[in-house]
Amino acid sequence: MIDTGQEATHLVVDRSACAGHGLCYSASPGLLDSDDQGNPVILRDPLTPDDIGAADAAVIVCPERALTVEP
């Protein structure tokens, strides 16, 4: 792998804060899915540049603030 000098970006779920509303995977269905208890499952990690908009949308709609985008 070639080092581009850029850190990978990740979508992180705080499982202790998540209440399973499902708004995140409804807002970003190509990036998130749900497990059998309704908790979000991240489909791609690290995020690609094309994923950033979908990740930001998921973060914005989460009423529990259980999602963050981090380097």
PDB file of N, CA and C in Angstrom:
ATOM      1  N   MET A   1       0.842  -1.179   0.000  1.00  0.00           N
ATOM      2  CA  MET A   1       0.000   0.000   0.000  1.00  0.00           C
ATOM      3  C   MET A   1       0.886   1.241   0.000  1.00  0.00           C
ATOM      4  N   ILE A   2       0.500   2.227  -0.778  1.00  0.00           N
ATOM      5  CA  ILE A   2       1.252   3.470  -0.869  1.00  0.00           C
ATOM      6  C   ILE A   2       0.759   4.424   0.201  1.00  0.00           C
ATOM      7  N   ASP A   3       1.697   5.009   0.932  1.00  0.00           N
ATOM      8  CA  ASP A   3       1.346   5.984   1.961  1.00  0.00           C
ATOM      9  C   ASP A   3       1.127   7.333   1.296  1.00  0.00           C
ATOM     10  N   THR A   4      -0.110   7.821   1.326  1.00  0.00           N
ATOM     11  CA  THR A   4      -0.435   9.107   0.715  1.00  0.00           C
ATOM     12  C   THR A   4      -0.284  10.253   1.696  1.00  0.00           C
ATOM     13  N   GLY A   5       0.010   9.953   2.942  1.00  0.00           N
ATOM     14  CA  GLY A   5       0.123  10.991   3.955  1.00  0.00           C
ATOM     15  C   GLY A   5      -1.211  11.390   4.553  1.00  0.00           C
ATOM     16  N   GLN A   6      -2.294  10.786   4.090  1.00  0.00           N
ATOM     17  CA  GLN A   6      -3.621  11.098   4.609  1.00  0.00           C
ATOM     18  C   GLN A   6      -4.084   9.971   5.516  1.00  0.00           C
ATOM     19  N   GLU A   7      -4.685  10.360   6.623  1.00  0.00           N
ATOM     20  CA  GLU A   7      -5.220   9.351   7.537  1.00  0.00           C
ATOM     21  C   GLU A   7      -6.544   8.820   7.008  1.00  0.00           C
ATOM     22  N   ALA A   8      -6.820   7.569   7.292  1.00  0.00           N
ATOM     23  CA  ALA A   8      -8.107   6.981   6.928  1.00  0.00           C
ATOM     24  C   ALA A   8      -9.202   7.609   7.785  1.00  0.00           C
ATOM     25  N   THR A   9     -10.386   7.697   7.227  1.00  0.00           N
ATOM     26  CA  THR A   9     -11.539   8.245   7.931  1.00  0.00           C
ATOM     27  C   THR A   9     -12.496   7.103   8.233  1.00  0.00           C
ATOM     28  N   HIS A  10     -13.051   7.120   9.450  1.00  0.00           N
ATOM     29  CA  HIS A  10     -13.918   6.036   9.912  1.00  0.00           C
ATOM     30  C   HIS A  10     -15.231   6.600  10.452  1.00  0.00           C
ATOM     31  N   LEU A  11     -16.296   5.858  10.268  1.00  0.00           N
ATOM     32  CA  LEU A  11     -17.563   6.129  10.932  1.00  0.00           C
ATOM     33  C   LEU A  11     -17.583   5.256  12.175  1.00  0.00           C
ATOM     34  N   VAL A  12     -17.806   5.878  13.328  1.00  0.00           N
ATOM     35  CA  VAL A  12     -17.731   5.170  14.603  1.00  0.00           C
ATOM     36  C   VAL A  12     -19.100   5.205  15.280  1.00  0.00           C
ATOM     37  N   VAL A  13     -19.538   4.055  15.776  1.00  0.00           N
ATOM     38  CA  VAL A  13     -20.808   3.938  16.495  1.00  0.00           C
ATOM     39  C   VAL A  13     -20.525   3.762  17.980  1.00  0.00           C
ATOM     40  N   ASP A  14     -21.104   4.636  18.800  1.00  0.00           N
ATOM     41  CA  ASP A  14     -21.047   4.476  20.254  1.00  0.00           C
ATOM     42  C   ASP A  14     -22.241   3.597  20.633  1.00  0.00           C
ATOM     43  N   ARG A  15     -21.996   2.314  20.772  1.00  0.00           N
ATOM     44  CA  ARG A  15     -23.082   1.359  21.028  1.00  0.00           C
ATOM     45  C   ARG A  15     -23.805   1.631  22.344  1.00  0.00           C
ATOM     46  N   SER A  16     -23.125   2.236  23.311  1.00  0.00           N
ATOM     47  CA  SER A  16     -23.790   2.541  24.584  1.00  0.00           C
ATOM     48  C   SER A  16     -24.772   3.700  24.439  1.00  0.00           C
ATOM     49  N   ALA A  17     -24.584   4.544  23.437  1.00  0.00           N
ATOM     50  CA  ALA A  17     -25.481   5.677  23.217  1.00  0.00           C
ATOM     51  C   ALA A  17     -26.594   5.355  22.221  1.00  0.00           C
ATOM     52  N   CYS A  18     -26.369   4.377  21.358  1.00  0.00           N
ATOM     53  CA  CYS A  18     -27.336   4.046  20.307  1.00  0.00           C
ATOM     54  C   CYS A  18     -28.612   3.464  20.915  1.00  0.00           C
ATOM     55  N   ALA A  19     -29.757   4.008  20.471  1.00  0.00           N
ATOM     56  CA  ALA A  19     -31.052   3.506  20.933  1.00  0.00           C
ATOM     57  C   ALA A  19     -31.775   2.715  19.841  1.00  0.00           C
ATOM     58  N   GLY A  20     -31.135   2.534  18.684  1.00  0.00           N
ATOM     59  CA  GLY A  20     -31.714   1.715  17.626  1.00  0.00           C
ATOM     60  C   GLY A  20     -32.884   2.341  16.891  1.00  0.00           C
ATOM     61  N   HIS A  21     -32.919   3.672  16.791  1.00  0.00           N
ATOM     62  CA  HIS A  21     -34.011   4.341  16.078  1.00  0.00           C
ATOM     63  C   HIS A  21     -34.051   3.979  14.593  1.00  0.00           C
ATOM     64  N   GLY A  22     -32.881   3.734  13.997  1.00  0.00           N
ATOM     65  CA  GLY A  22     -32.808   3.355  12.590  1.00  0.00           C
ATOM     66  C   GLY A  22     -32.714   4.505  11.618  1.00  0.00           C
ATOM     67  N   LEU A  23     -32.658   5.717  12.124  1.00  0.00           N
ATOM     68  CA  LEU A  23     -32.589   6.866  11.227  1.00  0.00           C
ATOM     69  C   LEU A  23     -31.289   6.906  10.441  1.00  0.00           C
ATOM     70  N   CYS A  24     -30.208   6.449  11.038  1.00  0.00           N
ATOM     71  CA  CYS A  24     -28.899   6.503  10.381  1.00  0.00           C
ATOM     72  C   CYS A  24     -28.853   5.603   9.162  1.00  0.00           C
ATOM     73  N   TYR A  25     -29.308   4.366   9.297  1.00  0.00           N
ATOM     74  CA  TYR A  25     -29.241   3.488   8.130  1.00  0.00           C
ATOM     75  C   TYR A  25     -30.343   3.782   7.132  1.00  0.00           C
ATOM     76  N   SER A  26     -31.382   4.461   7.547  1.00  0.00           N
ATOM     77  CA  SER A  26     -32.374   4.944   6.585  1.00  0.00           C
ATOM     78  C   SER A  26     -31.808   6.104   5.769  1.00  0.00           C
ATOM     79  N   ALA A  27     -31.002   6.951   6.411  1.00  0.00           N
ATOM     80  CA  ALA A  27     -30.391   8.097   5.733  1.00  0.00           C
ATOM     81  C   ALA A  27     -29.224   7.689   4.845  1.00  0.00           C
ATOM     82  N   SER A  28     -28.561   6.601   5.177  1.00  0.00           N
ATOM     83  CA  SER A  28     -27.346   6.178   4.462  1.00  0.00           C
ATOM     84  C   SER A  28     -27.357   4.670   4.207  1.00  0.00           C
ATOM     85  N   PRO A  29     -28.325   4.185   3.421  1.00  0.00           N
ATOM     86  CA  PRO A  29     -28.479   2.737   3.259  1.00  0.00           C
ATOM     87  C   PRO A  29     -27.303   2.031   2.588  1.00  0.00           C
ATOM     88  N   GLY A  30     -26.518   2.707   1.795  1.00  0.00           N
ATOM     89  CA  GLY A  30     -25.372   2.063   1.171  1.00  0.00           C
ATOM     90  C   GLY A  30     -24.172   1.952   2.083  1.00  0.00           C
ATOM     91  N   LEU A  31     -24.210   2.693   3.172  1.00  0.00           N
ATOM     92  CA  LEU A  31     -23.089   2.731   4.105  1.00  0.00           C
ATOM     93  C   LEU A  31     -23.391   1.988   5.400  1.00  0.00           C
ATOM     94  N   LEU A  32     -24.651   1.995   5.810  1.00  0.00           N
ATOM     95  CA  LEU A  32     -25.066   1.368   7.064  1.00  0.00           C
ATOM     96  C   LEU A  32     -26.209   0.390   6.821  1.00  0.00           C
ATOM     97  N   ASP A  33     -26.229  -0.644   7.624  1.00  0.00           N
ATOM     98  CA  ASP A  33     -27.342  -1.591   7.648  1.00  0.00           C
ATOM     99  C   ASP A  33     -27.670  -1.802   9.120  1.00  0.00           C
ATOM    100  N   SER A  34     -28.578  -2.708   9.422  1.00  0.00           N
ATOM    101  CA  SER A  34     -28.907  -2.971  10.823  1.00  0.00           C
ATOM    102  C   SER A  34     -28.676  -4.438  11.147  1.00  0.00           C
ATOM    103  N   ASP A  35     -28.365  -4.683  12.420  1.00  0.00           N
ATOM    104  CA  ASP A  35     -28.262  -6.071  12.868  1.00  0.00           C
ATOM    105  C   ASP A  35     -29.638  -6.534  13.331  1.00  0.00           C
ATOM    106  N   ASP A  36     -29.730  -7.730  13.879  1.00  0.00           N
ATOM    107  CA  ASP A  36     -31.038  -8.270  14.262  1.00  0.00           C
ATOM    108  C   ASP A  36     -31.665  -7.578  15.464  1.00  0.00           C
ATOM    109  N   GLN A  37     -30.905  -6.701  16.150  1.00  0.00           N
ATOM    110  CA  GLN A  37     -31.469  -5.920  17.253  1.00  0.00           C
ATOM    111  C   GLN A  37     -31.730  -4.465  16.871  1.00  0.00           C
ATOM    112  N   GLY A  38     -31.529  -4.127  15.584  1.00  0.00           N
ATOM    113  CA  GLY A  38     -31.787  -2.769  15.121  1.00  0.00           C
ATOM    114  C   GLY A  38     -30.619  -1.819  15.267  1.00  0.00           C
ATOM    115  N   ASN A  39     -29.470  -2.320  15.674  1.00  0.00           N
ATOM    116  CA  ASN A  39     -28.290  -1.469  15.808  1.00  0.00           C
ATOM    117  C   ASN A  39     -27.591  -1.324  14.463  1.00  0.00           C
ATOM    118  N   PRO A  40     -26.956  -0.168  14.223  1.00  0.00           N
ATOM    119  CA  PRO A  40     -26.291   0.038  12.940  1.00  0.00           C
ATOM    120  C   PRO A  40     -25.061  -0.843  12.765  1.00  0.00           C
ATOM    121  N   VAL A  41     -24.877  -1.281  11.533  1.00  0.00           N
ATOM    122  CA  VAL A  41     -23.702  -2.045  11.131  1.00  0.00           C
ATOM    123  C   VAL A  41     -23.042  -1.259   9.999  1.00  0.00           C
ATOM    124  N   ILE A  42     -21.785  -0.916  10.175  1.00  0.00           N
ATOM    125  CA  ILE A  42     -21.050  -0.163   9.163  1.00  0.00           C
ATOM    126  C   ILE A  42     -20.612  -1.137   8.072  1.00  0.00           C
ATOM    127  N   LEU A  43     -20.955  -0.826   6.830  1.00  0.00           N
ATOM    128  CA  LEU A  43     -20.681  -1.728   5.719  1.00  0.00           C
ATOM    129  C   LEU A  43     -19.292  -1.534   5.113  1.00  0.00           C
ATOM    130  N   ARG A  44     -18.707  -0.349   5.250  1.00  0.00           N
ATOM    131  CA  ARG A  44     -17.370  -0.088   4.715  1.00  0.00           C
ATOM    132  C   ARG A  44     -16.537   0.670   5.735  1.00  0.00           C
ATOM    133  N   ASP A  45     -15.344   0.158   5.978  1.00  0.00           N
ATOM    134  CA  ASP A  45     -14.401   0.824   6.877  1.00  0.00           C
ATOM    135  C   ASP A  45     -12.993   0.490   6.413  1.00  0.00           C
ATOM    136  N   PRO A  46     -12.174   1.465   6.143  1.00  0.00           N
ATOM    137  CA  PRO A  46     -12.405   2.897   6.300  1.00  0.00           C
ATOM    138  C   PRO A  46     -13.341   3.439   5.213  1.00  0.00           C
ATOM    139  N   LEU A  47     -13.791   4.664   5.442  1.00  0.00           N
ATOM    140  CA  LEU A  47     -14.661   5.324   4.483  1.00  0.00           C
ATOM    141  C   LEU A  47     -13.871   5.733   3.249  1.00  0.00           C
ATOM    142  N   THR A  48     -14.526   5.673   2.108  1.00  0.00           N
ATOM    143  CA  THR A  48     -13.941   6.209   0.884  1.00  0.00           C
ATOM    144  C   THR A  48     -14.327   7.689   0.799  1.00  0.00           C
ATOM    145  N   PRO A  49     -13.659   8.463  -0.039  1.00  0.00           N
ATOM    146  CA  PRO A  49     -14.071   9.866  -0.199  1.00  0.00           C
ATOM    147  C   PRO A  49     -15.540   9.998  -0.602  1.00  0.00           C
ATOM    148  N   ASP A  50     -16.045   9.055  -1.386  1.00  0.00           N
ATOM    149  CA  ASP A  50     -17.454   9.096  -1.793  1.00  0.00           C
ATOM    150  C   ASP A  50     -18.416   8.798  -0.647  1.00  0.00           C
ATOM    151  N   ASP A  51     -17.932   8.186   0.432  1.00  0.00           N
ATOM    152  CA  ASP A  51     -18.772   7.836   1.583  1.00  0.00           C
ATOM    153  C   ASP A  51     -18.971   8.991   2.563  1.00  0.00           C
ATOM    154  N   ILE A  52     -18.148  10.013   2.486  1.00  0.00           N
ATOM    155  CA  ILE A  52     -18.152  11.064   3.508  1.00  0.00           C
ATOM    156  C   ILE A  52     -19.511  11.753   3.611  1.00  0.00           C
ATOM    157  N   GLY A  53     -20.142  12.070   2.498  1.00  0.00           N
ATOM    158  CA  GLY A  53     -21.458  12.716   2.530  1.00  0.00           C
ATOM    159  C   GLY A  53     -22.505  11.851   3.209  1.00  0.00           C
ATOM    160  N   ALA A  54     -22.514  10.559   2.909  1.00  0.00           N
ATOM    161  CA  ALA A  54     -23.467   9.635   3.531  1.00  0.00           C
ATOM    162  C   ALA A  54     -23.184   9.489   5.019  1.00  0.00           C
ATOM    163  N   ALA A  55     -21.906   9.449   5.383  1.00  0.00           N
ATOM    164  CA  ALA A  55     -21.546   9.344   6.801  1.00  0.00           C
ATOM    165  C   ALA A  55     -21.994  10.593   7.555  1.00  0.00           C
ATOM    166  N   ASP A  56     -21.769  11.758   6.963  1.00  0.00           N
ATOM    167  CA  ASP A  56     -22.207  13.005   7.602  1.00  0.00           C
ATOM    168  C   ASP A  56     -23.723  13.034   7.762  1.00  0.00           C
ATOM    169  N   ALA A  57     -24.454  12.545   6.763  1.00  0.00           N
ATOM    170  CA  ALA A  57     -25.920  12.502   6.854  1.00  0.00           C
ATOM    171  C   ALA A  57     -26.366  11.610   8.003  1.00  0.00           C
ATOM    172  N   ALA A  58     -25.712  10.472   8.172  1.00  0.00           N
ATOM    173  CA  ALA A  58     -26.053   9.561   9.269  1.00  0.00           C
ATOM    174  C   ALA A  58     -25.792  10.211  10.622  1.00  0.00           C
ATOM    175  N   VAL A  59     -24.665  10.902  10.735  1.00  0.00           N
ATOM    176  CA  VAL A  59     -24.325  11.588  11.988  1.00  0.00           C
ATOM    177  C   VAL A  59     -25.379  12.640  12.318  1.00  0.00           C
ATOM    178  N   ILE A  60     -25.780  13.406  11.325  1.00  0.00           N
ATOM    179  CA  ILE A  60     -26.726  14.507  11.540  1.00  0.00           C
ATOM    180  C   ILE A  60     -28.090  14.010  12.006  1.00  0.00           C
ATOM    181  N   VAL A  61     -28.577  12.895  11.448  1.00  0.00           N
ATOM    182  CA  VAL A  61     -29.932  12.443  11.791  1.00  0.00           C
ATOM    183  C   VAL A  61     -30.015  11.660  13.097  1.00  0.00           C
ATOM    184  N   CYS A  62     -28.892  11.272  13.671  1.00  0.00           N
ATOM    185  CA  CYS A  62     -28.929  10.465  14.897  1.00  0.00           C
ATOM    186  C   CYS A  62     -29.343  11.315  16.101  1.00  0.00           C
ATOM    187  N   PRO A  63     -30.525  11.053  16.682  1.00  0.00           N
ATOM    188  CA  PRO A  63     -30.975  11.854  17.824  1.00  0.00           C
ATOM    189  C   PRO A  63     -30.168  11.596  19.097  1.00  0.00           C
ATOM    190  N   GLU A  64     -29.484  10.471  19.156  1.00  0.00           N
ATOM    191  CA  GLU A  64     -28.703  10.122  20.348  1.00  0.00           C
ATOM    192  C   GLU A  64     -27.247  10.568  20.238  1.00  0.00           C
ATOM    193  N   ARG A  65     -26.877  11.101  19.081  1.00  0.00           N
ATOM    194  CA  ARG A  65     -25.481  11.503  18.815  1.00  0.00           C
ATOM    195  C   ARG A  65     -24.528  10.327  19.033  1.00  0.00           C
ATOM    196  N   ALA A  66     -24.936   9.159  18.561  1.00  0.00           N
ATOM    197  CA  ALA A  66     -24.156   7.937  18.753  1.00  0.00           C
ATOM    198  C   ALA A  66     -23.155   7.684  17.629  1.00  0.00           C
ATOM    199  N   LEU A  67     -23.170   8.521  16.601  1.00  0.00           N
ATOM    200  CA  LEU A  67     -22.267   8.349  15.465  1.00  0.00           C
ATOM    201  C   LEU A  67     -21.320   9.530  15.355  1.00  0.00           C
ATOM    202  N   THR A  68     -20.073   9.236  15.006  1.00  0.00           N
ATOM    203  CA  THR A  68     -19.090  10.277  14.724  1.00  0.00           C
ATOM    204  C   THR A  68     -18.251   9.843  13.530  1.00  0.00           C
ATOM    205  N   VAL A  69     -17.729  10.822  12.811  1.00  0.00           N
ATOM    206  CA  VAL A  69     -16.755  10.578  11.752  1.00  0.00           C
ATOM    207  C   VAL A  69     -15.414  10.998  12.317  1.00  0.00           C
ATOM    208  N   GLU A  70     -14.461  10.074  12.314  1.00  0.00           N
ATOM    209  CA  GLU A  70     -13.163  10.316  12.944  1.00  0.00           C
ATOM    210  C   GLU A  70     -12.035   9.883  12.021  1.00  0.00           C
ATOM    211  N   PRO A  71     -10.875  10.549  12.173  1.00  0.00           N
ATOM    212  CA  PRO A  71      -9.693  10.110  11.406  1.00  0.00           C
ATOM    213  C   PRO A  71      -9.181   8.782  11.932  1.00  0.00           C
TER     214      PRO A  71
END
